[in-house]
PDB file of N, CA and C in Angstrom:
ATOM      1  N   UNK A   1       0.802  -1.198  -0.008  1.00  0.00           N
ATOM      2  CA  UNK A   1       0.000  -0.001  -0.005  1.00  0.00           C
ATOM      3  C   UNK A   1       0.886   1.281   0.001  1.00  0.00           C
ATOM      4  N   UNK A   2       1.977   1.192   0.735  1.00  0.00           N
ATOM      5  CA  UNK A   2       2.843   2.360   0.789  1.00  0.00           C
ATOM      6  C   UNK A   2       3.469   2.655  -0.589  1.00  0.00           C
ATOM      7  N   UNK A   3       3.773   1.620  -1.357  1.00  0.00           N
ATOM      8  CA  UNK A   3       4.326   1.789  -2.684  1.00  0.00           C
ATOM      9  C   UNK A   3       3.301   2.468  -3.590  1.00  0.00           C
ATOM     10  N   UNK A   4       2.042   2.127  -3.468  1.00  0.00           N
ATOM     11  CA  UNK A   4       1.005   2.770  -4.293  1.00  0.00           C
ATOM     12  C   UNK A   4       0.942   4.234  -4.056  1.00  0.00           C
ATOM     13  N   UNK A   5       1.086   4.673  -2.809  1.00  0.00           N
ATOM     14  CA  UNK A   5       1.093   6.108  -2.506  1.00  0.00           C
ATOM     15  C   UNK A   5       2.327   6.780  -3.127  1.00  0.00           C
ATOM     16  N   UNK A   6       3.449   6.116  -3.086  1.00  0.00           N
ATOM     17  CA  UNK A   6       4.647   6.679  -3.697  1.00  0.00           C
ATOM     18  C   UNK A   6       4.495   6.774  -5.198  1.00  0.00           C
ATOM     19  N   UNK A   7       3.891   5.818  -5.820  1.00  0.00           N
ATOM     20  CA  UNK A   7       3.623   5.837  -7.278  1.00  0.00           C
ATOM     21  C   UNK A   7       2.692   6.970  -7.650  1.00  0.00           C
ATOM     22  N   UNK A   8       1.632   7.123  -6.892  1.00  0.00           N
ATOM     23  CA  UNK A   8       0.676   8.200  -7.142  1.00  0.00           C
ATOM     24  C   UNK A   8       1.355   9.542  -6.948  1.00  0.00           C
ATOM     25  N   UNK A   9       2.235   9.618  -5.965  1.00  0.00           N
ATOM     26  CA  UNK A   9       3.008  10.853  -5.743  1.00  0.00           C
ATOM     27  C   UNK A   9       3.872  11.222  -6.911  1.00  0.00           C
ATOM     28  N   UNK A  10       4.410  10.206  -7.602  1.00  0.00           N
ATOM     29  CA  UNK A  10       5.245  10.434  -8.789  1.00  0.00           C
ATOM     30  C   UNK A  10       4.426  10.924  -9.971  1.00  0.00           C
ATOM     31  N   UNK A  11       3.186  10.476 -10.047  1.00  0.00           N
ATOM     32  CA  UNK A  11       2.322  10.800 -11.171  1.00  0.00           C
ATOM     33  C   UNK A  11       1.464  12.035 -10.836  1.00  0.00           C
ATOM     34  N   UNK A  12       1.895  13.154 -11.302  1.00  0.00           N
ATOM     35  CA  UNK A  12       1.227  14.436 -10.975  1.00  0.00           C
ATOM     36  C   UNK A  12      -0.185  14.491 -11.542  1.00  0.00           C
ATOM     37  N   UNK A  13      -0.415  13.792 -12.640  1.00  0.00           N
ATOM     38  CA  UNK A  13      -1.706  13.882 -13.341  1.00  0.00           C
ATOM     39  C   UNK A  13      -2.555  12.651 -13.116  1.00  0.00           C
ATOM     40  N   UNK A  14      -2.258  11.836 -12.071  1.00  0.00           N
ATOM     41  CA  UNK A  14      -2.942  10.558 -11.869  1.00  0.00           C
ATOM     42  C   UNK A  14      -4.465  10.720 -11.810  1.00  0.00           C
ATOM     43  N   UNK A  15      -4.912  11.578 -10.977  1.00  0.00           N
ATOM     44  CA  UNK A  15      -6.383  11.714 -10.741  1.00  0.00           C
ATOM     45  C   UNK A  15      -7.034  12.335 -11.949  1.00  0.00           C
ATOM     46  N   UNK A  16      -6.362  13.267 -12.604  1.00  0.00           N
ATOM     47  CA  UNK A  16      -6.928  13.857 -13.825  1.00  0.00           C
ATOM     48  C   UNK A  16      -7.094  12.781 -14.909  1.00  0.00           C
ATOM     49  N   UNK A  17      -6.098  11.910 -15.058  1.00  0.00           N
ATOM     50  CA  UNK A  17      -6.154  10.893 -16.103  1.00  0.00           C
ATOM     51  C   UNK A  17      -7.206   9.835 -15.748  1.00  0.00           C
ATOM     52  N   UNK A  18      -7.195   9.348 -14.508  1.00  0.00           N
ATOM     53  CA  UNK A  18      -8.094   8.286 -14.115  1.00  0.00           C
ATOM     54  C   UNK A  18      -9.555   8.759 -14.116  1.00  0.00           C
ATOM     55  N   UNK A  19      -9.803  10.050 -13.877  1.00  0.00           N
ATOM     56  CA  UNK A  19     -11.173  10.570 -13.821  1.00  0.00           C
ATOM     57  C   UNK A  19     -11.671  11.131 -15.110  1.00  0.00           C
ATOM     58  N   UNK A  20     -10.812  11.055 -16.157  1.00  0.00           N
ATOM     59  CA  UNK A  20     -11.161  11.613 -17.448  1.00  0.00           C
ATOM     60  C   UNK A  20     -12.320  10.819 -18.065  1.00  0.00           C
ATOM     61  N   UNK A  21     -13.285  11.541 -18.610  1.00  0.00           N
ATOM     62  CA  UNK A  21     -14.465  10.917 -19.231  1.00  0.00           C
ATOM     63  C   UNK A  21     -14.309  11.139 -20.749  1.00  0.00           C
ATOM     64  N   UNK A  22     -13.903  10.070 -21.487  1.00  0.00           N
ATOM     65  CA  UNK A  22     -13.756  10.212 -22.935  1.00  0.00           C
ATOM     66  C   UNK A  22     -15.126  10.271 -23.619  1.00  0.00           C
ATOM     67  N   UNK A  23     -15.115  10.755 -24.812  1.00  0.00           N
ATOM     68  CA  UNK A  23     -16.345  10.817 -25.604  1.00  0.00           C
ATOM     69  C   UNK A  23     -16.892   9.428 -25.836  1.00  0.00           C
ATOM     70  N   UNK A  24     -18.181   9.310 -26.004  1.00  0.00           N
ATOM     71  CA  UNK A  24     -18.740   7.978 -26.199  1.00  0.00           C
ATOM     72  C   UNK A  24     -18.218   7.410 -27.538  1.00  0.00           C
ATOM     73  N   UNK A  25     -17.848   6.156 -27.525  1.00  0.00           N
ATOM     74  CA  UNK A  25     -17.316   5.515 -28.700  1.00  0.00           C
ATOM     75  C   UNK A  25     -15.791   5.581 -28.806  1.00  0.00           C
ATOM     76  N   UNK A  26     -15.131   6.312 -27.927  1.00  0.00           N
ATOM     77  CA  UNK A  26     -13.687   6.464 -27.951  1.00  0.00           C
ATOM     78  C   UNK A  26     -13.028   5.350 -27.175  1.00  0.00           C
ATOM     79  N   UNK A  27     -12.870   4.208 -27.836  1.00  0.00           N
ATOM     80  CA  UNK A  27     -12.329   3.015 -27.200  1.00  0.00           C
ATOM     81  C   UNK A  27     -10.873   3.129 -26.923  1.00  0.00           C
ATOM     82  N   UNK A  28     -10.123   3.811 -27.767  1.00  0.00           N
ATOM     83  CA  UNK A  28      -8.677   3.920 -27.590  1.00  0.00           C
ATOM     84  C   UNK A  28      -8.318   4.680 -26.325  1.00  0.00           C
ATOM     85  N   UNK A  29      -9.026   5.738 -26.024  1.00  0.00           N
ATOM     86  CA  UNK A  29      -8.778   6.495 -24.827  1.00  0.00           C
ATOM     87  C   UNK A  29      -9.087   5.670 -23.609  1.00  0.00           C
ATOM     88  N   UNK A  30     -10.208   4.939 -23.642  1.00  0.00           N
ATOM     89  CA  UNK A  30     -10.542   4.042 -22.510  1.00  0.00           C
ATOM     90  C   UNK A  30      -9.452   3.026 -22.278  1.00  0.00           C
ATOM     91  N   UNK A  31      -8.949   2.434 -23.338  1.00  0.00           N
ATOM     92  CA  UNK A  31      -7.915   1.409 -23.208  1.00  0.00           C
ATOM     93  C   UNK A  31      -6.608   2.031 -22.674  1.00  0.00           C
ATOM     94  N   UNK A  32      -6.255   3.207 -23.174  1.00  0.00           N
ATOM     95  CA  UNK A  32      -5.013   3.859 -22.712  1.00  0.00           C
ATOM     96  C   UNK A  32      -5.107   4.162 -21.214  1.00  0.00           C
ATOM     97  N   UNK A  33      -6.236   4.625 -20.758  1.00  0.00           N
ATOM     98  CA  UNK A  33      -6.407   4.938 -19.316  1.00  0.00           C
ATOM     99  C   UNK A  33      -6.308   3.641 -18.503  1.00  0.00           C
ATOM    100  N   UNK A  34      -6.894   2.568 -18.970  1.00  0.00           N
ATOM    101  CA  UNK A  34      -6.863   1.290 -18.300  1.00  0.00           C
ATOM    102  C   UNK A  34      -5.427   0.749 -18.256  1.00  0.00           C
ATOM    103  N   UNK A  35      -4.721   0.864 -19.382  1.00  0.00           N
ATOM    104  CA  UNK A  35      -3.329   0.393 -19.471  1.00  0.00           C
ATOM    105  C   UNK A  35      -2.456   1.218 -18.530  1.00  0.00           C
ATOM    106  N   UNK A  36      -2.676   2.519 -18.471  1.00  0.00           N
ATOM    107  CA  UNK A  36      -1.961   3.428 -17.570  1.00  0.00           C
ATOM    108  C   UNK A  36      -2.135   2.967 -16.129  1.00  0.00           C
ATOM    109  N   UNK A  37      -3.362   2.694 -15.710  1.00  0.00           N
ATOM    110  CA  UNK A  37      -3.605   2.254 -14.357  1.00  0.00           C
ATOM    111  C   UNK A  37      -2.958   0.916 -14.058  1.00  0.00           C
ATOM    112  N   UNK A  38      -3.022   0.014 -14.988  1.00  0.00           N
ATOM    113  CA  UNK A  38      -2.366  -1.298 -14.810  1.00  0.00           C
ATOM    114  C   UNK A  38      -0.826  -1.148 -14.684  1.00  0.00           C
ATOM    115  N   UNK A  39      -0.261  -0.389 -15.587  1.00  0.00           N
ATOM    116  CA  UNK A  39       1.180  -0.300 -15.717  1.00  0.00           C
ATOM    117  C   UNK A  39       1.808   0.368 -14.459  1.00  0.00           C
ATOM    118  N   UNK A  40       1.239   1.469 -14.026  1.00  0.00           N
ATOM    119  CA  UNK A  40       1.927   2.183 -12.973  1.00  0.00           C
ATOM    120  C   UNK A  40       1.953   1.431 -11.631  1.00  0.00           C
ATOM    121  N   UNK A  41       0.967   0.575 -11.435  1.00  0.00           N
ATOM    122  CA  UNK A  41       0.943  -0.148 -10.167  1.00  0.00           C
ATOM    123  C   UNK A  41       1.636  -1.503 -10.236  1.00  0.00           C
ATOM    124  N   UNK A  42       2.132  -1.879 -11.415  1.00  0.00           N
ATOM    125  CA  UNK A  42       2.850  -3.140 -11.585  1.00  0.00           C
ATOM    126  C   UNK A  42       4.344  -2.952 -11.494  1.00  0.00           C
ATOM    127  N   UNK A  43       4.813  -1.739 -11.518  1.00  0.00           N
ATOM    128  CA  UNK A  43       6.301  -1.480 -11.580  1.00  0.00           C
ATOM    129  C   UNK A  43       6.921  -1.723 -10.220  1.00  0.00           C
ATOM    130  N   UNK A  44       8.190  -1.917 -10.208  1.00  0.00           N
ATOM    131  CA  UNK A  44       8.987  -2.008  -9.010  1.00  0.00           C
ATOM    132  C   UNK A  44       9.466  -0.576  -8.724  1.00  0.00           C
ATOM    133  N   UNK A  45       9.084  -0.073  -7.571  1.00  0.00           N
ATOM    134  CA  UNK A  45       9.407   1.335  -7.249  1.00  0.00           C
ATOM    135  C   UNK A  45      10.921   1.530  -7.115  1.00  0.00           C
ATOM    136  N   UNK A  46      11.710   0.464  -6.926  1.00  0.00           N
ATOM    137  CA  UNK A  46      13.134   0.574  -6.761  1.00  0.00           C
ATOM    138  C   UNK A  46      13.882   0.542  -8.123  1.00  0.00           C
ATOM    139  N   UNK A  47      13.178   0.257  -9.192  1.00  0.00           N
ATOM    140  CA  UNK A  47      13.756   0.199 -10.522  1.00  0.00           C
ATOM    141  C   UNK A  47      13.689   1.592 -11.132  1.00  0.00           C
ATOM    142  N   UNK A  48      14.859   2.244 -11.271  1.00  0.00           N
ATOM    143  CA  UNK A  48      14.901   3.607 -11.776  1.00  0.00           C
ATOM    144  C   UNK A  48      14.287   3.773 -13.187  1.00  0.00           C
ATOM    145  N   UNK A  49      14.598   2.832 -14.054  1.00  0.00           N
ATOM    146  CA  UNK A  49      14.078   2.864 -15.424  1.00  0.00           C
ATOM    147  C   UNK A  49      12.563   2.797 -15.427  1.00  0.00           C
ATOM    148  N   UNK A  50      11.978   1.938 -14.632  1.00  0.00           N
ATOM    149  CA  UNK A  50      10.545   1.802 -14.567  1.00  0.00           C
ATOM    150  C   UNK A  50       9.915   3.077 -13.995  1.00  0.00           C
ATOM    151  N   UNK A  51      10.534   3.665 -12.966  1.00  0.00           N
ATOM    152  CA  UNK A  51       9.988   4.893 -12.390  1.00  0.00           C
ATOM    153  C   UNK A  51      10.017   6.003 -13.405  1.00  0.00           C
ATOM    154  N   UNK A  52      11.116   6.072 -14.161  1.00  0.00           N
ATOM    155  CA  UNK A  52      11.264   7.096 -15.199  1.00  0.00           C
ATOM    156  C   UNK A  52      10.180   6.904 -16.282  1.00  0.00           C
ATOM    157  N   UNK A  53       9.904   5.664 -16.654  1.00  0.00           N
ATOM    158  CA  UNK A  53       8.877   5.406 -17.675  1.00  0.00           C
ATOM    159  C   UNK A  53       7.486   5.777 -17.158  1.00  0.00           C
ATOM    160  N   UNK A  54       7.241   5.565 -15.863  1.00  0.00           N
ATOM    161  CA  UNK A  54       5.948   5.978 -15.306  1.00  0.00           C
ATOM    162  C   UNK A  54       5.756   7.480 -15.317  1.00  0.00           C
ATOM    163  N   UNK A  55       6.791   8.195 -14.986  1.00  0.00           N
ATOM    164  CA  UNK A  55       6.709   9.661 -14.988  1.00  0.00           C
ATOM    165  C   UNK A  55       6.523  10.182 -16.423  1.00  0.00           C
ATOM    166  N   UNK A  56       7.216   9.560 -17.358  1.00  0.00           N
ATOM    167  CA  UNK A  56       7.058   9.944 -18.798  1.00  0.00           C
ATOM    168  C   UNK A  56       5.650   9.594 -19.273  1.00  0.00           C
ATOM    169  N   UNK A  57       5.159   8.417 -18.927  1.00  0.00           N
ATOM    170  CA  UNK A  57       3.827   8.034 -19.362  1.00  0.00           C
ATOM    171  C   UNK A  57       2.770   8.951 -18.795  1.00  0.00           C
ATOM    172  N   UNK A  58       2.968   9.392 -17.541  1.00  0.00           N
ATOM    173  CA  UNK A  58       2.018  10.325 -16.965  1.00  0.00           C
ATOM    174  C   UNK A  58       2.000  11.635 -17.742  1.00  0.00           C
ATOM    175  N   UNK A  59       3.175  12.095 -18.104  1.00  0.00           N
ATOM    176  CA  UNK A  59       3.265  13.329 -18.879  1.00  0.00           C
ATOM    177  C   UNK A  59       2.664  13.156 -20.270  1.00  0.00           C
ATOM    178  N   UNK A  60       2.900  11.995 -20.907  1.00  0.00           N
ATOM    179  CA  UNK A  60       2.382  11.737 -22.264  1.00  0.00           C
ATOM    180  C   UNK A  60       0.852  11.692 -22.233  1.00  0.00           C
ATOM    181  N   UNK A  61       0.269  10.961 -21.267  1.00  0.00           N
ATOM    182  CA  UNK A  61      -1.185  10.868 -21.216  1.00  0.00           C
ATOM    183  C   UNK A  61      -1.834  12.196 -20.846  1.00  0.00           C
ATOM    184  N   UNK A  62      -1.161  13.012 -20.042  1.00  0.00           N
ATOM    185  CA  UNK A  62      -1.715  14.360 -19.767  1.00  0.00           C
ATOM    186  C   UNK A  62      -1.737  15.158 -21.064  1.00  0.00           C
ATOM    187  N   UNK A  63      -0.686  15.085 -21.833  1.00  0.00           N
ATOM    188  CA  UNK A  63      -0.649  15.752 -23.132  1.00  0.00           C
ATOM    189  C   UNK A  63      -1.705  15.210 -24.061  1.00  0.00           C
ATOM    190  N   UNK A  64      -1.883  13.894 -24.007  1.00  0.00           N
ATOM    191  CA  UNK A  64      -2.871  13.233 -24.874  1.00  0.00           C
ATOM    192  C   UNK A  64      -4.272  13.793 -24.578  1.00  0.00           C
ATOM    193  N   UNK A  65      -4.564  13.996 -23.293  1.00  0.00           N
ATOM    194  CA  UNK A  65      -5.900  14.499 -22.953  1.00  0.00           C
ATOM    195  C   UNK A  65      -6.076  15.972 -23.252  1.00  0.00           C
ATOM    196  N   UNK A  66      -4.966  16.752 -23.275  1.00  0.00           N
ATOM    197  CA  UNK A  66      -5.056  18.184 -23.483  1.00  0.00           C
ATOM    198  C   UNK A  66      -4.861  18.647 -24.915  1.00  0.00           C
ATOM    199  N   UNK A  67      -4.082  17.890 -25.685  1.00  0.00           N
ATOM    200  CA  UNK A  67      -3.751  18.324 -27.018  1.00  0.00           C
ATOM    201  C   UNK A  67      -4.443  17.450 -28.059  1.00  0.00           C
ATOM    202  N   UNK A  68      -5.415  18.044 -28.732  1.00  0.00           N
ATOM    203  CA  UNK A  68      -6.213  17.317 -29.703  1.00  0.00           C
ATOM    204  C   UNK A  68      -5.366  16.793 -30.848  1.00  0.00           C
ATOM    205  N   UNK A  69      -4.400  17.569 -31.311  1.00  0.00           N
ATOM    206  CA  UNK A  69      -3.506  17.113 -32.396  1.00  0.00           C
ATOM    207  C   UNK A  69      -2.712  15.883 -32.024  1.00  0.00           C
ATOM    208  N   UNK A  70      -2.186  15.871 -30.825  1.00  0.00           N
ATOM    209  CA  UNK A  70      -1.430  14.715 -30.386  1.00  0.00           C
ATOM    210  C   UNK A  70      -2.382  13.526 -30.164  1.00  0.00           C
ATOM    211  N   UNK A  71      -3.582  13.753 -29.711  1.00  0.00           N
ATOM    212  CA  UNK A  71      -4.577  12.676 -29.500  1.00  0.00           C
ATOM    213  C   UNK A  71      -4.829  11.992 -30.870  1.00  0.00           C
ATOM    214  N   UNK A  72      -5.093  12.788 -31.854  1.00  0.00           N
ATOM    215  CA  UNK A  72      -5.355  12.272 -33.192  1.00  0.00           C
ATOM    216  C   UNK A  72      -4.156  11.500 -33.729  1.00  0.00           C
ATOM    217  N   UNK A  73      -2.987  12.055 -33.541  1.00  0.00           N
ATOM    218  CA  UNK A  73      -1.739  11.407 -34.021  1.00  0.00           C
ATOM    219  C   UNK A  73      -1.498  10.088 -33.338  1.00  0.00           C
ATOM    220  N   UNK A  74      -1.634  10.054 -32.014  1.00  0.00           N
ATOM    221  CA  UNK A  74      -1.457   8.787 -31.294  1.00  0.00           C
ATOM    222  C   UNK A  74      -2.510   7.750 -31.633  1.00  0.00           C
ATOM    223  N   UNK A  75      -3.729   8.165 -31.805  1.00  0.00           N
ATOM    224  CA  UNK A  75      -4.778   7.208 -32.169  1.00  0.00           C
ATOM    225  C   UNK A  75      -4.511   6.603 -33.564  1.00  0.00           C
ATOM    226  N   UNK A  76      -3.890   7.346 -34.432  1.00  0.00           N
ATOM    227  CA  UNK A  76      -3.592   6.823 -35.753  1.00  0.00           C
ATOM    228  C   UNK A  76      -2.396   5.859 -35.707  1.00  0.00           C
ATOM    229  N   UNK A  77      -1.392   6.182 -34.880  1.00  0.00           N
ATOM    230  CA  UNK A  77      -0.173   5.403 -34.855  1.00  0.00           C
ATOM    231  C   UNK A  77      -0.216   4.218 -33.888  1.00  0.00           C
ATOM    232  N   UNK A  78      -1.081   4.303 -32.907  1.00  0.00           N
ATOM    233  CA  UNK A  78      -1.113   3.238 -31.870  1.00  0.00           C
ATOM    234  C   UNK A  78      -1.635   1.926 -32.451  1.00  0.00           C
ATOM    235  N   UNK A  79      -2.490   1.967 -33.445  1.00  0.00           N
ATOM    236  CA  UNK A  79      -3.006   0.736 -34.032  1.00  0.00           C
ATOM    237  C   UNK A  79      -1.976   0.065 -34.944  1.00  0.00           C
ATOM    238  N   UNK A  80      -0.883   0.798 -35.270  1.00  0.00           N
ATOM    239  CA  UNK A  80       0.183   0.270 -36.124  1.00  0.00           C
ATOM    240  C   UNK A  80       1.326  -0.287 -35.352  1.00  0.00           C
ATOM    241  N   UNK A  81       1.303  -0.247 -34.029  1.00  0.00           N
ATOM    242  CA  UNK A  81       2.390  -0.727 -33.213  1.00  0.00           C
ATOM    243  C   UNK A  81       2.394  -2.259 -33.279  1.00  0.00           C
ATOM    244  N   UNK A  82       3.577  -2.784 -33.554  1.00  0.00           N
ATOM    245  CA  UNK A  82       3.778  -4.226 -33.634  1.00  0.00           C
ATOM    246  C   UNK A  82       4.858  -4.609 -32.629  1.00  0.00           C
ATOM    247  N   UNK A  83       4.523  -5.609 -31.801  1.00  0.00           N
ATOM    248  CA  UNK A  83       5.488  -6.095 -30.803  1.00  0.00           C
ATOM    249  C   UNK A  83       6.029  -7.426 -31.266  1.00  0.00           C
ATOM    250  N   UNK A  84       7.282  -7.673 -30.975  1.00  0.00           N
ATOM    251  CA  UNK A  84       7.869  -8.976 -31.310  1.00  0.00           C
ATOM    252  C   UNK A  84       7.363 -10.030 -30.332  1.00  0.00           C
ATOM    253  N   UNK A  85       7.316 -11.225 -30.780  1.00  0.00           N
ATOM    254  CA  UNK A  85       6.812 -12.365 -29.949  1.00  0.00           C
ATOM    255  C   UNK A  85       7.716 -12.678 -28.780  1.00  0.00           C
ATOM    256  N   UNK A  86       8.990 -12.444 -28.923  1.00  0.00           N
ATOM    257  CA  UNK A  86       9.949 -12.832 -27.881  1.00  0.00           C
ATOM    258  C   UNK A  86      10.203 -11.759 -26.828  1.00  0.00           C
ATOM    259  N   UNK A  87       9.358 -10.724 -26.790  1.00  0.00           N
ATOM    260  CA  UNK A  87       9.507  -9.656 -25.803  1.00  0.00           C
ATOM    261  C   UNK A  87       9.145 -10.168 -24.426  1.00  0.00           C
ATOM    262  N   UNK A  88       9.990  -9.894 -23.418  1.00  0.00           N
ATOM    263  CA  UNK A  88       9.706 -10.437 -22.078  1.00  0.00           C
ATOM    264  C   UNK A  88       8.586  -9.688 -21.382  1.00  0.00           C
ATOM    265  N   UNK A  89       8.537  -8.367 -21.591  1.00  0.00           N
ATOM    266  CA  UNK A  89       7.471  -7.557 -20.939  1.00  0.00           C
ATOM    267  C   UNK A  89       6.754  -6.761 -22.030  1.00  0.00           C
ATOM    268  N   UNK A  90       5.732  -7.329 -22.633  1.00  0.00           N
ATOM    269  CA  UNK A  90       5.053  -6.627 -23.730  1.00  0.00           C
ATOM    270  C   UNK A  90       4.395  -5.300 -23.312  1.00  0.00           C
ATOM    271  N   UNK A  91       3.910  -5.218 -22.078  1.00  0.00           N
ATOM    272  CA  UNK A  91       3.287  -3.993 -21.606  1.00  0.00           C
ATOM    273  C   UNK A  91       4.318  -2.833 -21.580  1.00  0.00           C
ATOM    274  N   UNK A  92       5.490  -3.113 -21.052  1.00  0.00           N
ATOM    275  CA  UNK A  92       6.584  -2.103 -20.950  1.00  0.00           C
ATOM    276  C   UNK A  92       7.005  -1.700 -22.351  1.00  0.00           C
ATOM    277  N   UNK A  93       7.064  -2.676 -23.264  1.00  0.00           N
ATOM    278  CA  UNK A  93       7.453  -2.410 -24.655  1.00  0.00           C
ATOM    279  C   UNK A  93       6.429  -1.499 -25.342  1.00  0.00           C
ATOM    280  N   UNK A  94       5.165  -1.817 -25.068  1.00  0.00           N
ATOM    281  CA  UNK A  94       4.079  -0.991 -25.648  1.00  0.00           C
ATOM    282  C   UNK A  94       4.113   0.425 -25.122  1.00  0.00           C
ATOM    283  N   UNK A  95       4.372   0.598 -23.847  1.00  0.00           N
ATOM    284  CA  UNK A  95       4.477   1.900 -23.202  1.00  0.00           C
ATOM    285  C   UNK A  95       5.654   2.654 -23.839  1.00  0.00           C
ATOM    286  N   UNK A  96       6.753   1.987 -24.064  1.00  0.00           N
ATOM    287  CA  UNK A  96       7.912   2.688 -24.651  1.00  0.00           C
ATOM    288  C   UNK A  96       7.616   3.151 -26.047  1.00  0.00           C
ATOM    289  N   UNK A  97       6.815   2.408 -26.795  1.00  0.00           N
ATOM    290  CA  UNK A  97       6.365   2.824 -28.135  1.00  0.00           C
ATOM    291  C   UNK A  97       5.508   4.106 -28.028  1.00  0.00           C
ATOM    292  N   UNK A  98       4.623   4.142 -27.094  1.00  0.00           N
ATOM    293  CA  UNK A  98       3.747   5.291 -26.876  1.00  0.00           C
ATOM    294  C   UNK A  98       4.593   6.541 -26.557  1.00  0.00           C
ATOM    295  N   UNK A  99       5.562   6.378 -25.687  1.00  0.00           N
ATOM    296  CA  UNK A  99       6.438   7.480 -25.297  1.00  0.00           C
ATOM    297  C   UNK A  99       7.258   7.959 -26.513  1.00  0.00           C
ATOM    298  N   UNK A 100       7.715   7.011 -27.314  1.00  0.00           N
ATOM    299  CA  UNK A 100       8.477   7.379 -28.523  1.00  0.00           C
ATOM    300  C   UNK A 100       7.616   8.161 -29.485  1.00  0.00           C
ATOM    301  N   UNK A 101       6.384   7.729 -29.669  1.00  0.00           N
ATOM    302  CA  UNK A 101       5.434   8.490 -30.528  1.00  0.00           C
ATOM    303  C   UNK A 101       5.285   9.906 -30.049  1.00  0.00           C
ATOM    304  N   UNK A 102       5.200  10.108 -28.697  1.00  0.00           N
ATOM    305  CA  UNK A 102       5.056  11.426 -28.140  1.00  0.00           C
ATOM    306  C   UNK A 102       6.256  12.284 -28.435  1.00  0.00           C
ATOM    307  N   UNK A 103       7.486  11.727 -28.196  1.00  0.00           N
ATOM    308  CA  UNK A 103       8.697  12.534 -28.449  1.00  0.00           C
ATOM    309  C   UNK A 103       8.843  12.864 -29.951  1.00  0.00           C
ATOM    310  N   UNK A 104       8.480  11.927 -30.804  1.00  0.00           N
ATOM    311  CA  UNK A 104       8.521  12.218 -32.233  1.00  0.00           C
ATOM    312  C   UNK A 104       7.528  13.373 -32.592  1.00  0.00           C
ATOM    313  N   UNK A 105       6.327  13.304 -32.017  1.00  0.00           N
ATOM    314  CA  UNK A 105       5.334  14.351 -32.245  1.00  0.00           C
ATOM    315  C   UNK A 105       5.792  15.690 -31.687  1.00  0.00           C
ATOM    316  N   UNK A 106       6.373  15.662 -30.497  1.00  0.00           N
ATOM    317  CA  UNK A 106       6.834  16.904 -29.854  1.00  0.00           C
ATOM    318  C   UNK A 106       7.979  17.522 -30.715  1.00  0.00           C
ATOM    319  N   UNK A 107       8.859  16.692 -31.203  1.00  0.00           N
ATOM    320  CA  UNK A 107       9.960  17.222 -32.027  1.00  0.00           C
ATOM    321  C   UNK A 107       9.419  17.776 -33.320  1.00  0.00           C
ATOM    322  N   UNK A 108       8.457  17.111 -33.880  1.00  0.00           N
ATOM    323  CA  UNK A 108       7.885  17.554 -35.169  1.00  0.00           C
ATOM    324  C   UNK A 108       7.120  18.835 -35.047  1.00  0.00           C
ATOM    325  N   UNK A 109       6.423  19.021 -33.950  1.00  0.00           N
ATOM    326  CA  UNK A 109       5.561  20.221 -33.820  1.00  0.00           C
ATOM    327  C   UNK A 109       6.266  21.396 -33.205  1.00  0.00           C
ATOM    328  N   UNK A 110       7.372  21.168 -32.552  1.00  0.00           N
ATOM    329  CA  UNK A 110       8.091  22.271 -31.932  1.00  0.00           C
ATOM    330  C   UNK A 110       8.758  23.094 -33.052  1.00  0.00           C
ATOM    331  N   UNK A 111       8.487  24.370 -33.055  1.00  0.00           N
ATOM    332  CA  UNK A 111       9.048  25.248 -34.059  1.00  0.00           C
ATOM    333  C   UNK A 111      10.120  26.118 -33.456  1.00  0.00           C
ATOM    334  N   UNK A 112      11.125  26.414 -34.278  1.00  0.00           N
ATOM    335  CA  UNK A 112      12.166  27.308 -33.838  1.00  0.00           C
ATOM    336  C   UNK A 112      11.642  28.752 -33.974  1.00  0.00           C
ATOM    337  N   UNK A 113      11.698  29.432 -32.890  1.00  0.00           N
ATOM    338  CA  UNK A 113      11.207  30.819 -32.843  1.00  0.00           C
ATOM    339  C   UNK A 113      12.407  31.753 -32.792  1.00  0.00           C
ATOM    340  N   UNK A 114      12.479  32.638 -33.750  1.00  0.00           N
ATOM    341  CA  UNK A 114      13.528  33.631 -33.776  1.00  0.00           C
ATOM    342  C   UNK A 114      12.940  34.971 -33.341  1.00  0.00           C
ATOM    343  N   UNK A 115      13.659  35.649 -32.479  1.00  0.00           N
ATOM    344  CA  UNK A 115      13.247  36.971 -32.058  1.00  0.00           C
ATOM    345  C   UNK A 115      13.891  37.956 -32.986  1.00  0.00           C
ATOM    346  N   UNK A 116      13.073  38.695 -33.700  1.00  0.00           N
ATOM    347  CA  UNK A 116      13.639  39.647 -34.591  1.00  0.00           C
ATOM    348  C   UNK A 116      13.498  41.031 -33.986  1.00  0.00           C
ATOM    349  N   UNK A 117      14.336  41.937 -34.428  1.00  0.00           N
ATOM    350  CA  UNK A 117      14.351  43.292 -33.881  1.00  0.00           C
ATOM    351  C   UNK A 117      13.646  44.182 -34.929  1.00  0.00           C
ATOM    352  N   UNK A 118      12.660  44.862 -34.496  1.00  0.00           N
ATOM    353  CA  UNK A 118      11.931  45.759 -35.369  1.00  0.00           C
ATOM    354  C   UNK A 118      12.515  47.146 -35.134  1.00  0.00           C
ATOM    355  N   UNK A 119      12.799  47.756 -36.230  1.00  0.00           N
ATOM    356  CA  UNK A 119      13.394  49.114 -36.138  1.00  0.00           C
ATOM    357  C   UNK A 119      12.362  50.143 -36.421  1.00  0.00           C
TER     358      UNK A 119
END
């Protein structure tokens, strides 16, 4: 029980994500929220890599709920994810693919802003 409190403390957006009401018929969002809840409570709190992935997943799903463009992008790409049969932890592998999609999207949409001087 103590570990669950520590995990929830790591996830700043836990309650926002778990209490999110998706539009009717939005099965992907429902599944993502369910997977999020499963994954964060299955990790070993002493494993730094797992803790890092939970924090990143929390950030990704918060962005997913707030950014319509990213939501659409993830929904299109998530159905194309293919996992190898010999993967030891398919859930962790799936989460890493979601995080990679987010970083690719963030890199693609981030624009370089130049400050020009008006005379």
